[in-house]
């Protein structure tokens, strides 16, 4: 049975929260492309995301969050991650940080790594759902190898049978993917340059007194 499509409004988001709490998968708009998400506490939920995308679980899945405070409950927000989050969240920044060892996370979420990717998107829908349900494991709404779905109709065409609900927020905003900065080590490293140039990341780190070597200009990369 194909996914139910509802408007991205107060009523639609309430329905999405019910689906997530019941263990279902929801497609939702973000500030770039549509994503598919599941509640973090859902048993086998991460595996269901991979199955929906027909993608092997060879990479971790990042968490979309409501705010910086929620990030601190999952990962170690050191000086670099905190400075960058304060400057660029909500927005096109993903930080990779060390997981709190006492916080139990599904092994499939991080592909076995001791780190986790965190982002607060500049869109109220994922933040509202994360506020109600908790950090949301989220990946792009498309079958692996196919273009990212641009609207609700394309999501249903590609993934409809694997989802319970689609929040229809109109055409995807598009634009560059988030910049990914690994803040888990002694010095921050830009893993992917996207919406935020490396030069801006470097300026924020300089202002925060964080040692880094982010001087080289990197080529923008596609979404992951």
N, C-alpha and C. Protein backbone atom coordinates (compact mmCIF):
# COMPACT_ATOMS: atom_id res chain seq x y z
N UNK A 1 0.85 -1.19 0.00
CA UNK A 1 0.00 0.00 0.00
C UNK A 1 0.89 1.25 0.00
N UNK A 2 0.52 2.23 -0.82
CA UNK A 2 1.35 3.42 -0.96
C UNK A 2 1.20 4.34 0.25
N UNK A 3 2.21 5.17 0.46
CA UNK A 3 2.22 6.07 1.62
C UNK A 3 1.09 7.09 1.54
N UNK A 4 0.61 7.48 2.71
CA UNK A 4 -0.37 8.54 2.81
C UNK A 4 0.34 9.89 2.69
N UNK A 5 -0.19 10.81 1.88
CA UNK A 5 0.39 12.13 1.68
C UNK A 5 -0.47 13.16 2.40
N UNK A 6 0.15 13.95 3.28
CA UNK A 6 -0.57 14.98 4.01
C UNK A 6 0.20 16.29 3.90
N UNK A 7 -0.49 17.44 4.01
CA UNK A 7 0.21 18.72 3.94
C UNK A 7 1.16 18.90 5.12
N UNK A 8 2.25 19.63 4.86
CA UNK A 8 3.18 19.95 5.94
C UNK A 8 2.64 21.14 6.71
N UNK A 9 1.70 20.85 7.61
CA UNK A 9 1.14 21.87 8.48
C UNK A 9 1.02 21.28 9.88
N UNK A 10 0.37 21.98 10.78
CA UNK A 10 0.28 21.52 12.16
C UNK A 10 -0.38 20.15 12.24
N UNK A 11 -1.45 19.96 11.50
CA UNK A 11 -2.16 18.67 11.53
C UNK A 11 -1.30 17.58 10.91
N UNK A 12 -0.65 17.88 9.78
CA UNK A 12 0.19 16.90 9.12
C UNK A 12 1.37 16.49 9.99
N UNK A 13 1.98 17.46 10.65
CA UNK A 13 3.12 17.14 11.52
C UNK A 13 2.70 16.29 12.71
N UNK A 14 1.51 16.55 13.23
CA UNK A 14 1.00 15.73 14.33
C UNK A 14 0.80 14.29 13.86
N UNK A 15 0.31 14.12 12.64
CA UNK A 15 0.15 12.77 12.09
C UNK A 15 1.51 12.11 11.90
N UNK A 16 2.50 12.89 11.46
CA UNK A 16 3.85 12.34 11.29
C UNK A 16 4.44 11.89 12.62
N UNK A 17 4.21 12.65 13.66
CA UNK A 17 4.70 12.27 14.99
C UNK A 17 4.07 10.94 15.41
N UNK A 18 2.78 10.77 15.19
CA UNK A 18 2.12 9.51 15.54
C UNK A 18 2.73 8.34 14.79
N UNK A 19 2.99 8.54 13.49
CA UNK A 19 3.58 7.47 12.68
C UNK A 19 4.97 7.12 13.19
N UNK A 20 5.78 8.14 13.48
CA UNK A 20 7.14 7.90 13.97
C UNK A 20 7.12 7.17 15.31
N UNK A 21 6.24 7.59 16.21
CA UNK A 21 6.16 6.94 17.51
C UNK A 21 5.69 5.50 17.41
N UNK A 22 4.97 5.20 16.33
CA UNK A 22 4.48 3.83 16.11
C UNK A 22 5.51 2.98 15.36
N UNK A 23 6.67 3.58 15.04
CA UNK A 23 7.72 2.81 14.37
C UNK A 23 7.74 2.93 12.86
N UNK A 24 6.92 3.82 12.31
CA UNK A 24 6.85 3.97 10.86
C UNK A 24 7.90 4.91 10.29
N UNK A 25 8.01 4.92 8.95
CA UNK A 25 8.93 5.80 8.24
C UNK A 25 8.14 6.95 7.63
N UNK A 26 8.69 8.16 7.79
CA UNK A 26 8.06 9.38 7.30
C UNK A 26 9.01 10.08 6.33
N UNK A 27 8.48 10.55 5.21
CA UNK A 27 9.24 11.43 4.33
C UNK A 27 8.89 12.87 4.70
N UNK A 28 9.91 13.73 4.76
CA UNK A 28 9.69 15.09 5.23
C UNK A 28 10.56 16.07 4.46
N UNK A 29 10.08 17.31 4.31
CA UNK A 29 10.90 18.32 3.65
C UNK A 29 11.99 18.82 4.60
N UNK A 30 13.11 19.24 4.02
CA UNK A 30 14.16 19.90 4.79
C UNK A 30 14.55 21.16 4.04
N UNK A 31 15.62 21.82 4.49
CA UNK A 31 16.06 23.04 3.83
C UNK A 31 16.82 22.77 2.54
N UNK A 32 17.04 21.49 2.20
CA UNK A 32 17.69 21.16 0.92
C UNK A 32 16.79 20.21 0.14
N UNK A 33 16.90 18.92 0.40
CA UNK A 33 16.09 17.92 -0.28
C UNK A 33 15.14 17.26 0.72
N UNK A 34 14.23 16.46 0.20
CA UNK A 34 13.38 15.66 1.09
C UNK A 34 14.21 14.55 1.71
N UNK A 35 13.84 14.17 2.92
CA UNK A 35 14.49 13.05 3.59
C UNK A 35 13.46 12.04 4.04
N UNK A 36 13.94 10.85 4.39
CA UNK A 36 13.09 9.86 5.05
C UNK A 36 13.68 9.60 6.43
N UNK A 37 12.79 9.52 7.41
CA UNK A 37 13.23 9.45 8.80
C UNK A 37 12.44 8.41 9.56
N UNK A 38 13.05 7.97 10.66
CA UNK A 38 12.42 7.02 11.57
C UNK A 38 12.80 7.44 12.99
N UNK A 39 11.99 7.10 13.96
CA UNK A 39 12.33 7.43 15.34
C UNK A 39 13.56 6.64 15.77
N UNK A 40 14.44 7.29 16.53
CA UNK A 40 15.70 6.69 16.93
C UNK A 40 15.50 5.42 17.74
N UNK A 41 14.44 5.37 18.53
CA UNK A 41 14.22 4.23 19.41
C UNK A 41 13.52 3.06 18.72
N UNK A 42 13.18 3.20 17.45
CA UNK A 42 12.47 2.13 16.73
C UNK A 42 13.40 0.94 16.50
N UNK A 43 13.02 -0.21 16.98
CA UNK A 43 13.83 -1.41 16.79
C UNK A 43 13.91 -1.75 15.30
N UNK A 44 15.13 -1.86 14.78
CA UNK A 44 15.31 -2.15 13.36
C UNK A 44 14.98 -1.00 12.44
N UNK A 45 14.80 0.20 13.00
CA UNK A 45 14.39 1.34 12.18
C UNK A 45 15.43 1.77 11.17
N UNK A 46 16.71 1.78 11.57
CA UNK A 46 17.76 2.19 10.64
C UNK A 46 17.84 1.21 9.48
N UNK A 47 17.72 -0.07 9.80
CA UNK A 47 17.74 -1.08 8.75
C UNK A 47 16.57 -0.89 7.79
N UNK A 48 15.43 -0.44 8.29
CA UNK A 48 14.28 -0.18 7.41
C UNK A 48 14.56 0.98 6.47
N UNK A 49 15.30 2.00 6.94
CA UNK A 49 15.67 3.12 6.06
C UNK A 49 16.54 2.61 4.91
N UNK A 50 17.53 1.78 5.23
CA UNK A 50 18.39 1.24 4.19
C UNK A 50 17.60 0.37 3.22
N UNK A 51 16.68 -0.42 3.77
CA UNK A 51 15.87 -1.29 2.92
C UNK A 51 15.01 -0.45 1.99
N UNK A 52 14.44 0.63 2.50
CA UNK A 52 13.60 1.49 1.66
C UNK A 52 14.40 2.08 0.50
N UNK A 53 15.65 2.46 0.78
CA UNK A 53 16.50 3.05 -0.26
C UNK A 53 17.19 1.99 -1.13
N UNK A 54 17.07 0.72 -0.71
CA UNK A 54 17.76 -0.38 -1.41
C UNK A 54 19.26 -0.11 -1.44
N UNK A 55 19.78 0.26 -0.27
CA UNK A 55 21.19 0.62 -0.14
C UNK A 55 21.83 -0.24 0.94
N UNK A 56 23.01 -0.77 0.71
CA UNK A 56 23.68 -1.55 1.77
C UNK A 56 24.07 -0.65 2.92
N UNK A 57 24.07 -1.15 4.15
CA UNK A 57 24.37 -0.33 5.33
C UNK A 57 25.87 -0.12 5.50
N UNK A 58 26.49 0.52 4.48
CA UNK A 58 27.94 0.71 4.52
C UNK A 58 28.35 2.08 5.03
N UNK A 59 27.38 2.96 5.24
CA UNK A 59 27.66 4.30 5.76
C UNK A 59 26.70 4.61 6.89
N UNK A 60 27.15 5.46 7.79
CA UNK A 60 26.29 5.87 8.89
C UNK A 60 25.18 6.81 8.42
N UNK A 61 24.19 6.99 9.26
CA UNK A 61 23.08 7.90 9.00
C UNK A 61 23.16 9.04 10.00
N UNK A 62 23.04 10.28 9.52
CA UNK A 62 23.11 11.40 10.45
C UNK A 62 21.78 11.62 11.15
N UNK A 63 21.84 12.41 12.21
CA UNK A 63 20.65 12.77 12.97
C UNK A 63 20.28 14.22 12.71
N UNK A 64 19.01 14.45 12.40
CA UNK A 64 18.48 15.81 12.35
C UNK A 64 17.93 16.15 13.72
N UNK A 65 18.21 17.38 14.17
CA UNK A 65 17.91 17.79 15.54
C UNK A 65 17.06 19.04 15.58
N UNK A 66 16.54 19.30 16.77
CA UNK A 66 15.78 20.52 17.00
C UNK A 66 16.69 21.71 17.30
N UNK A 67 17.74 21.49 18.11
CA UNK A 67 18.61 22.60 18.51
C UNK A 67 19.93 22.08 19.05
N UNK A 68 20.80 23.00 19.44
CA UNK A 68 22.12 22.64 19.96
C UNK A 68 22.00 21.83 21.25
N UNK A 69 21.04 22.17 22.09
CA UNK A 69 20.88 21.44 23.35
C UNK A 69 20.61 19.97 23.09
N UNK A 70 19.83 19.66 22.07
CA UNK A 70 19.55 18.26 21.75
C UNK A 70 20.82 17.56 21.25
N UNK A 71 21.66 18.29 20.53
CA UNK A 71 22.93 17.72 20.06
C UNK A 71 23.78 17.26 21.22
N UNK A 72 23.81 18.05 22.27
CA UNK A 72 24.67 17.75 23.42
C UNK A 72 24.22 16.50 24.18
N UNK A 73 22.99 16.05 23.96
CA UNK A 73 22.53 14.83 24.61
C UNK A 73 23.03 13.58 23.89
N UNK A 74 23.51 13.74 22.66
CA UNK A 74 23.92 12.61 21.84
C UNK A 74 25.44 12.53 21.70
N UNK A 75 26.07 13.70 21.44
CA UNK A 75 27.50 13.70 21.16
C UNK A 75 28.25 14.70 22.00
N UNK A 76 29.58 14.59 21.96
CA UNK A 76 30.46 15.47 22.72
C UNK A 76 30.67 16.75 21.91
N UNK A 77 29.96 17.80 22.29
CA UNK A 77 30.05 19.08 21.59
C UNK A 77 31.20 19.89 22.19
N UNK A 78 32.40 19.64 21.69
CA UNK A 78 33.57 20.35 22.16
C UNK A 78 33.60 21.79 21.66
N UNK A 79 34.74 22.44 21.84
CA UNK A 79 34.85 23.86 21.49
C UNK A 79 34.60 24.11 20.02
N UNK A 80 35.16 23.28 19.15
CA UNK A 80 35.00 23.48 17.71
C UNK A 80 33.55 23.26 17.28
N UNK A 81 32.96 22.14 17.68
CA UNK A 81 31.59 21.84 17.29
C UNK A 81 30.62 22.88 17.83
N UNK A 82 30.83 23.32 19.06
CA UNK A 82 29.94 24.32 19.66
C UNK A 82 30.03 25.65 18.94
N UNK A 83 31.25 26.08 18.62
CA UNK A 83 31.42 27.35 17.92
C UNK A 83 30.77 27.32 16.54
N UNK A 84 30.96 26.24 15.82
CA UNK A 84 30.38 26.12 14.49
C UNK A 84 28.86 26.01 14.55
N UNK A 85 28.35 25.24 15.51
CA UNK A 85 26.90 25.11 15.66
C UNK A 85 26.27 26.46 16.00
N UNK A 86 26.90 27.21 16.90
CA UNK A 86 26.37 28.52 17.28
C UNK A 86 26.34 29.47 16.08
N UNK A 87 27.31 29.32 15.20
CA UNK A 87 27.40 30.22 14.04
C UNK A 87 26.48 29.82 12.90
N UNK A 88 26.30 28.53 12.68
CA UNK A 88 25.67 28.08 11.44
C UNK A 88 24.38 27.29 11.61
N UNK A 89 23.97 26.98 12.82
CA UNK A 89 22.70 26.29 13.03
C UNK A 89 21.62 27.28 13.41
N UNK A 90 20.39 27.11 12.90
CA UNK A 90 20.01 26.12 11.90
C UNK A 90 20.58 26.48 10.53
N UNK A 91 20.99 25.48 9.77
CA UNK A 91 21.57 25.74 8.46
C UNK A 91 22.38 24.58 7.93
N UNK A 92 23.19 24.89 6.91
CA UNK A 92 23.87 23.88 6.12
C UNK A 92 25.18 23.40 6.69
N UNK A 93 25.19 22.99 7.93
CA UNK A 93 26.38 22.45 8.59
C UNK A 93 26.05 21.13 9.26
N UNK A 94 26.88 20.12 8.98
CA UNK A 94 26.84 18.86 9.71
C UNK A 94 28.15 18.72 10.46
N UNK A 95 28.08 18.48 11.75
CA UNK A 95 29.29 18.25 12.53
C UNK A 95 29.37 16.77 12.88
N UNK A 96 30.58 16.23 12.78
CA UNK A 96 30.85 14.87 13.22
C UNK A 96 31.51 14.98 14.59
N UNK A 97 30.91 14.37 15.57
CA UNK A 97 31.44 14.43 16.94
C UNK A 97 31.49 13.03 17.53
N UNK A 98 32.25 12.88 18.61
CA UNK A 98 32.29 11.60 19.32
C UNK A 98 30.96 11.36 20.04
N UNK A 99 30.52 10.12 20.04
CA UNK A 99 29.31 9.76 20.76
C UNK A 99 29.58 9.70 22.25
N UNK A 100 28.57 10.06 23.04
CA UNK A 100 28.67 9.79 24.47
C UNK A 100 28.61 8.28 24.66
N UNK A 101 29.60 7.69 25.32
CA UNK A 101 29.62 6.22 25.45
C UNK A 101 28.43 5.67 26.21
N UNK A 102 27.85 6.47 27.10
CA UNK A 102 26.72 5.97 27.89
C UNK A 102 25.39 6.06 27.16
N UNK A 103 25.37 6.71 26.00
CA UNK A 103 24.13 6.83 25.22
C UNK A 103 24.05 5.66 24.24
N UNK A 104 23.06 4.82 24.41
CA UNK A 104 22.90 3.66 23.54
C UNK A 104 22.31 4.09 22.19
N UNK A 105 23.03 3.79 21.13
CA UNK A 105 22.57 4.10 19.78
C UNK A 105 22.60 2.81 18.95
N UNK A 106 21.69 2.68 17.99
CA UNK A 106 21.71 1.47 17.14
C UNK A 106 23.05 1.37 16.41
N UNK A 107 23.60 0.17 16.35
CA UNK A 107 24.90 -0.02 15.67
C UNK A 107 24.84 0.41 14.21
N UNK A 108 23.70 0.18 13.56
CA UNK A 108 23.57 0.53 12.14
C UNK A 108 23.58 2.03 11.91
N UNK A 109 23.27 2.81 12.95
CA UNK A 109 23.21 4.26 12.80
C UNK A 109 24.57 4.84 12.42
N UNK A 110 25.62 4.32 13.02
CA UNK A 110 26.96 4.86 12.82
C UNK A 110 27.86 3.93 12.02
N UNK A 111 27.33 2.83 11.52
CA UNK A 111 28.12 1.84 10.80
C UNK A 111 29.30 1.38 11.65
N UNK A 112 29.10 1.33 12.96
CA UNK A 112 30.12 0.84 13.87
C UNK A 112 31.14 1.87 14.31
N UNK A 113 31.04 3.10 13.83
CA UNK A 113 32.01 4.14 14.18
C UNK A 113 31.70 4.72 15.56
N UNK A 114 32.71 5.27 16.25
CA UNK A 114 32.48 5.89 17.56
C UNK A 114 32.01 7.34 17.46
N UNK A 115 31.69 7.77 16.25
CA UNK A 115 31.27 9.15 16.02
C UNK A 115 29.87 9.18 15.42
N UNK A 116 29.27 10.38 15.40
CA UNK A 116 27.93 10.55 14.86
C UNK A 116 27.83 11.91 14.18
N UNK A 117 27.10 11.97 13.06
CA UNK A 117 26.85 13.22 12.36
C UNK A 117 25.58 13.88 12.85
N UNK A 118 25.65 15.18 13.14
CA UNK A 118 24.52 15.93 13.69
C UNK A 118 24.27 17.19 12.88
N UNK A 119 22.99 17.53 12.67
CA UNK A 119 22.65 18.78 11.96
C UNK A 119 21.32 19.32 12.45
N UNK A 120 21.22 20.63 12.57
CA UNK A 120 19.96 21.32 12.82
C UNK A 120 19.59 22.03 11.52
N UNK A 121 18.62 21.52 10.78
CA UNK A 121 18.29 22.10 9.48
C UNK A 121 17.51 23.40 9.60
N UNK A 122 17.60 24.22 8.57
CA UNK A 122 16.89 25.49 8.54
C UNK A 122 15.50 25.28 7.94
N UNK A 123 14.74 24.40 8.57
CA UNK A 123 13.36 24.10 8.14
C UNK A 123 12.61 23.65 9.37
N UNK A 124 11.42 24.17 9.57
CA UNK A 124 10.69 23.91 10.80
C UNK A 124 10.16 22.48 10.88
N UNK A 125 9.89 21.84 9.74
CA UNK A 125 9.29 20.49 9.79
C UNK A 125 10.19 19.49 10.51
N UNK A 126 11.43 19.28 10.08
CA UNK A 126 12.25 18.30 10.80
C UNK A 126 12.54 18.72 12.24
N UNK A 127 12.68 20.03 12.48
CA UNK A 127 12.94 20.46 13.86
C UNK A 127 11.73 20.19 14.75
N UNK A 128 10.52 20.42 14.22
CA UNK A 128 9.31 20.16 15.00
C UNK A 128 9.17 18.67 15.33
N UNK A 129 9.48 17.82 14.35
CA UNK A 129 9.39 16.38 14.61
C UNK A 129 10.45 15.94 15.61
N UNK A 130 11.67 16.46 15.47
CA UNK A 130 12.73 16.12 16.42
C UNK A 130 12.40 16.62 17.82
N UNK A 131 11.70 17.75 17.90
CA UNK A 131 11.29 18.30 19.20
C UNK A 131 10.32 17.35 19.89
N UNK A 132 9.47 16.70 19.12
CA UNK A 132 8.45 15.82 19.68
C UNK A 132 8.93 14.40 19.90
N UNK A 133 9.76 13.89 18.98
CA UNK A 133 10.12 12.48 18.98
C UNK A 133 11.55 12.25 19.44
N UNK A 134 12.41 13.26 19.31
CA UNK A 134 13.83 13.10 19.61
C UNK A 134 14.63 13.16 18.33
N UNK A 135 15.95 13.10 18.43
CA UNK A 135 16.81 13.15 17.24
C UNK A 135 16.36 12.15 16.18
N UNK A 136 16.32 12.60 14.92
CA UNK A 136 15.76 11.79 13.85
C UNK A 136 16.84 11.26 12.90
N UNK A 137 17.07 9.95 12.87
CA UNK A 137 17.92 9.38 11.81
C UNK A 137 17.27 9.66 10.46
N UNK A 138 18.00 10.32 9.58
CA UNK A 138 17.42 10.79 8.33
C UNK A 138 18.40 10.59 7.18
N UNK A 139 17.88 10.16 6.05
CA UNK A 139 18.68 10.06 4.83
C UNK A 139 17.83 10.55 3.66
N UNK A 140 18.45 10.81 2.54
CA UNK A 140 17.74 11.43 1.42
C UNK A 140 16.63 10.52 0.89
N UNK A 141 15.56 11.14 0.41
CA UNK A 141 14.37 10.41 -0.03
C UNK A 141 14.51 10.00 -1.49
N UNK A 142 15.23 8.92 -1.71
CA UNK A 142 15.38 8.37 -3.06
C UNK A 142 15.89 6.94 -2.97
N UNK A 143 15.60 6.19 -4.01
CA UNK A 143 16.21 4.86 -4.13
C UNK A 143 17.68 5.06 -4.49
N UNK A 144 18.56 4.31 -3.87
CA UNK A 144 19.98 4.46 -4.11
C UNK A 144 20.29 4.37 -5.60
N UNK A 145 21.03 5.37 -6.10
CA UNK A 145 21.39 5.41 -7.52
C UNK A 145 20.45 6.24 -8.36
N UNK A 146 19.27 6.60 -7.83
CA UNK A 146 18.33 7.45 -8.56
C UNK A 146 18.43 8.88 -8.06
N UNK A 147 17.98 9.87 -8.86
CA UNK A 147 18.00 11.26 -8.40
C UNK A 147 17.14 11.44 -7.16
N UNK A 148 17.52 12.41 -6.33
CA UNK A 148 16.73 12.71 -5.14
C UNK A 148 15.34 13.20 -5.55
N UNK A 149 14.33 12.71 -4.85
CA UNK A 149 12.95 13.09 -5.16
C UNK A 149 12.75 14.57 -4.93
N UNK A 150 12.11 15.23 -5.88
CA UNK A 150 11.96 16.70 -5.81
C UNK A 150 10.65 17.13 -5.17
N UNK A 151 9.69 16.24 -5.05
CA UNK A 151 8.41 16.59 -4.44
C UNK A 151 7.72 15.32 -3.96
N UNK A 152 6.54 15.50 -3.38
CA UNK A 152 5.82 14.37 -2.79
C UNK A 152 5.49 13.30 -3.82
N UNK A 153 5.11 13.72 -5.03
CA UNK A 153 4.75 12.75 -6.07
C UNK A 153 5.93 11.86 -6.43
N UNK A 154 7.12 12.45 -6.54
CA UNK A 154 8.30 11.65 -6.88
C UNK A 154 8.69 10.72 -5.72
N UNK A 155 8.47 11.18 -4.49
CA UNK A 155 8.73 10.31 -3.34
C UNK A 155 7.83 9.08 -3.39
N UNK A 156 6.56 9.29 -3.64
CA UNK A 156 5.62 8.17 -3.71
C UNK A 156 6.01 7.23 -4.85
N UNK A 157 6.41 7.79 -5.99
CA UNK A 157 6.81 6.95 -7.13
C UNK A 157 8.00 6.06 -6.78
N UNK A 158 8.99 6.64 -6.09
CA UNK A 158 10.21 5.89 -5.78
C UNK A 158 10.08 5.00 -4.55
N UNK A 159 9.43 5.53 -3.51
CA UNK A 159 9.50 4.89 -2.20
C UNK A 159 8.15 4.61 -1.55
N UNK A 160 7.08 4.89 -2.26
CA UNK A 160 5.75 4.88 -1.65
C UNK A 160 5.40 3.65 -0.86
N UNK A 161 5.75 2.46 -1.36
CA UNK A 161 5.40 1.22 -0.67
C UNK A 161 6.21 1.00 0.60
N UNK A 162 7.35 1.71 0.73
CA UNK A 162 8.22 1.51 1.89
C UNK A 162 7.96 2.52 3.00
N UNK A 163 7.08 3.49 2.75
CA UNK A 163 6.82 4.56 3.71
C UNK A 163 5.39 4.47 4.22
N UNK A 164 5.18 5.05 5.40
CA UNK A 164 3.82 5.16 5.93
C UNK A 164 3.20 6.52 5.62
N UNK A 165 4.03 7.58 5.57
CA UNK A 165 3.47 8.92 5.44
C UNK A 165 4.47 9.85 4.77
N UNK A 166 3.96 10.77 3.95
CA UNK A 166 4.77 11.81 3.31
C UNK A 166 4.23 13.17 3.73
N UNK A 167 5.08 13.99 4.34
CA UNK A 167 4.72 15.38 4.62
C UNK A 167 4.99 16.20 3.37
N UNK A 168 3.95 16.71 2.76
CA UNK A 168 4.08 17.43 1.49
C UNK A 168 4.32 18.91 1.76
N UNK A 169 5.57 19.33 1.57
CA UNK A 169 5.93 20.73 1.75
C UNK A 169 6.17 21.45 0.45
N UNK A 170 5.67 20.89 -0.67
CA UNK A 170 5.91 21.50 -1.97
C UNK A 170 7.24 21.07 -2.54
N UNK A 171 7.67 21.70 -3.64
CA UNK A 171 8.94 21.34 -4.27
C UNK A 171 10.11 21.52 -3.30
N UNK A 172 11.09 20.61 -3.38
CA UNK A 172 12.27 20.71 -2.52
C UNK A 172 13.02 22.00 -2.80
N UNK A 173 13.61 22.57 -1.77
CA UNK A 173 14.34 23.82 -1.91
C UNK A 173 15.59 23.65 -2.76
N UNK A 174 16.19 22.46 -2.72
CA UNK A 174 17.42 22.22 -3.47
C UNK A 174 18.60 22.98 -2.89
N UNK A 175 19.56 23.30 -3.74
CA UNK A 175 20.75 23.99 -3.27
C UNK A 175 21.83 23.02 -2.85
N UNK A 176 22.97 23.53 -2.44
CA UNK A 176 24.09 22.66 -2.08
C UNK A 176 23.82 21.86 -0.82
N UNK A 177 24.49 20.72 -0.73
CA UNK A 177 24.41 19.90 0.47
C UNK A 177 25.12 20.61 1.62
N UNK A 178 24.92 20.10 2.83
CA UNK A 178 25.57 20.70 3.99
C UNK A 178 27.08 20.49 3.92
N UNK A 179 27.80 21.43 4.51
CA UNK A 179 29.24 21.24 4.72
C UNK A 179 29.42 20.33 5.93
N UNK A 180 30.30 19.34 5.79
CA UNK A 180 30.52 18.37 6.85
C UNK A 180 31.89 18.61 7.47
N UNK A 181 31.90 18.86 8.78
CA UNK A 181 33.15 19.11 9.49
C UNK A 181 33.32 18.08 10.60
N UNK A 182 34.42 17.35 10.55
CA UNK A 182 34.72 16.36 11.58
C UNK A 182 35.39 17.07 12.76
N UNK A 183 34.67 17.14 13.86
CA UNK A 183 35.17 17.81 15.06
C UNK A 183 35.54 16.80 16.15
N UNK A 184 35.69 15.55 15.77
CA UNK A 184 35.93 14.50 16.78
C UNK A 184 37.40 14.36 17.16
N UNK A 185 38.30 14.92 16.36
CA UNK A 185 39.72 14.78 16.64
C UNK A 185 40.31 16.03 17.26
N UNK A 186 41.64 16.07 17.29
CA UNK A 186 42.33 17.21 17.91
C UNK A 186 42.13 18.49 17.12
N UNK A 187 42.03 18.36 15.78
CA UNK A 187 41.82 19.53 14.92
C UNK A 187 40.68 19.25 13.95
N UNK A 188 39.79 20.22 13.75
CA UNK A 188 38.66 20.01 12.84
C UNK A 188 39.14 19.78 11.41
N UNK A 189 38.39 18.94 10.68
CA UNK A 189 38.69 18.62 9.30
C UNK A 189 37.41 18.75 8.48
N UNK A 190 37.48 19.46 7.35
CA UNK A 190 36.33 19.55 6.46
C UNK A 190 36.30 18.30 5.59
N UNK A 191 35.27 17.48 5.77
CA UNK A 191 35.13 16.26 4.99
C UNK A 191 34.41 16.51 3.67
N UNK A 192 33.52 17.50 3.67
CA UNK A 192 32.80 17.85 2.44
C UNK A 192 32.48 19.33 2.49
N UNK A 193 32.89 20.06 1.47
CA UNK A 193 32.51 21.47 1.40
C UNK A 193 31.22 21.58 0.62
N UNK A 194 30.24 22.26 1.21
CA UNK A 194 28.94 22.39 0.57
C UNK A 194 28.40 23.79 0.74
N UNK A 195 27.32 23.92 1.52
CA UNK A 195 26.63 25.20 1.66
C UNK A 195 27.50 26.28 2.31
N UNK A 196 28.41 25.88 3.19
CA UNK A 196 29.24 26.84 3.92
C UNK A 196 30.69 26.68 3.46
N UNK A 197 31.30 27.72 2.90
CA UNK A 197 32.68 27.61 2.43
C UNK A 197 33.65 27.33 3.58
N UNK A 198 34.73 26.63 3.25
CA UNK A 198 35.75 26.34 4.25
C UNK A 198 36.30 27.61 4.87
N UNK A 199 36.39 28.68 4.08
CA UNK A 199 36.93 29.94 4.60
C UNK A 199 36.07 30.49 5.74
N UNK A 200 34.75 30.32 5.65
CA UNK A 200 33.87 30.79 6.72
C UNK A 200 34.02 29.92 7.96
N UNK A 201 34.15 28.61 7.75
CA UNK A 201 34.39 27.71 8.87
C UNK A 201 35.67 28.11 9.59
N UNK A 202 36.72 28.39 8.82
CA UNK A 202 38.01 28.77 9.41
C UNK A 202 37.89 30.04 10.23
N UNK A 203 37.13 31.02 9.73
CA UNK A 203 37.00 32.29 10.46
C UNK A 203 36.32 32.09 11.81
N UNK A 204 35.30 31.24 11.84
CA UNK A 204 34.60 30.98 13.11
C UNK A 204 35.53 30.28 14.09
N UNK A 205 36.29 29.32 13.60
CA UNK A 205 37.24 28.62 14.48
C UNK A 205 38.33 29.55 14.98
N UNK A 206 38.80 30.44 14.12
CA UNK A 206 39.79 31.43 14.56
C UNK A 206 39.23 32.29 15.69
N UNK A 207 38.00 32.76 15.50
CA UNK A 207 37.38 33.63 16.52
C UNK A 207 37.19 32.89 17.84
N UNK A 208 37.00 31.58 17.76
CA UNK A 208 36.80 30.78 18.98
C UNK A 208 38.12 30.30 19.59
N UNK A 209 39.23 30.62 18.93
CA UNK A 209 40.53 30.20 19.44
C UNK A 209 40.81 28.73 19.27
N UNK A 210 40.16 28.10 18.26
CA UNK A 210 40.35 26.67 18.01
C UNK A 210 41.44 26.47 16.96
N UNK A 211 42.43 25.67 17.26
CA UNK A 211 43.52 25.39 16.33
C UNK A 211 43.02 24.53 15.18
N UNK A 212 43.41 24.90 13.95
CA UNK A 212 42.98 24.13 12.78
C UNK A 212 43.97 24.39 11.65
N UNK A 213 43.74 23.70 10.54
CA UNK A 213 44.58 23.87 9.35
C UNK A 213 43.70 23.98 8.11
N UNK A 214 42.59 24.68 8.23
CA UNK A 214 41.61 24.77 7.15
C UNK A 214 41.93 25.95 6.24
N UNK A 215 42.98 25.84 5.49
CA UNK A 215 43.37 26.93 4.60
C UNK A 215 43.19 26.59 3.14
N UNK A 216 43.25 25.29 2.81
CA UNK A 216 43.16 24.91 1.41
C UNK A 216 41.71 24.99 0.94
N UNK A 217 41.54 25.38 -0.32
CA UNK A 217 40.20 25.47 -0.90
C UNK A 217 39.82 24.10 -1.45
N UNK A 218 38.65 23.61 -1.07
CA UNK A 218 38.22 22.29 -1.51
C UNK A 218 37.10 22.40 -2.54
N UNK A 219 37.01 21.42 -3.39
CA UNK A 219 35.95 21.40 -4.39
C UNK A 219 34.64 20.96 -3.76
N UNK A 220 33.52 21.62 -4.10
CA UNK A 220 32.24 21.17 -3.58
C UNK A 220 31.92 19.76 -4.01
N UNK A 221 31.24 19.03 -3.14
CA UNK A 221 30.87 17.65 -3.45
C UNK A 221 29.36 17.52 -3.48
N UNK A 222 28.88 16.44 -4.07
CA UNK A 222 27.44 16.19 -4.11
C UNK A 222 26.92 15.71 -2.78
N UNK A 223 25.59 15.57 -2.68
CA UNK A 223 24.98 15.13 -1.42
C UNK A 223 25.26 13.67 -1.17
N UNK A 224 25.17 13.31 0.11
CA UNK A 224 25.30 11.91 0.49
C UNK A 224 24.13 11.53 1.37
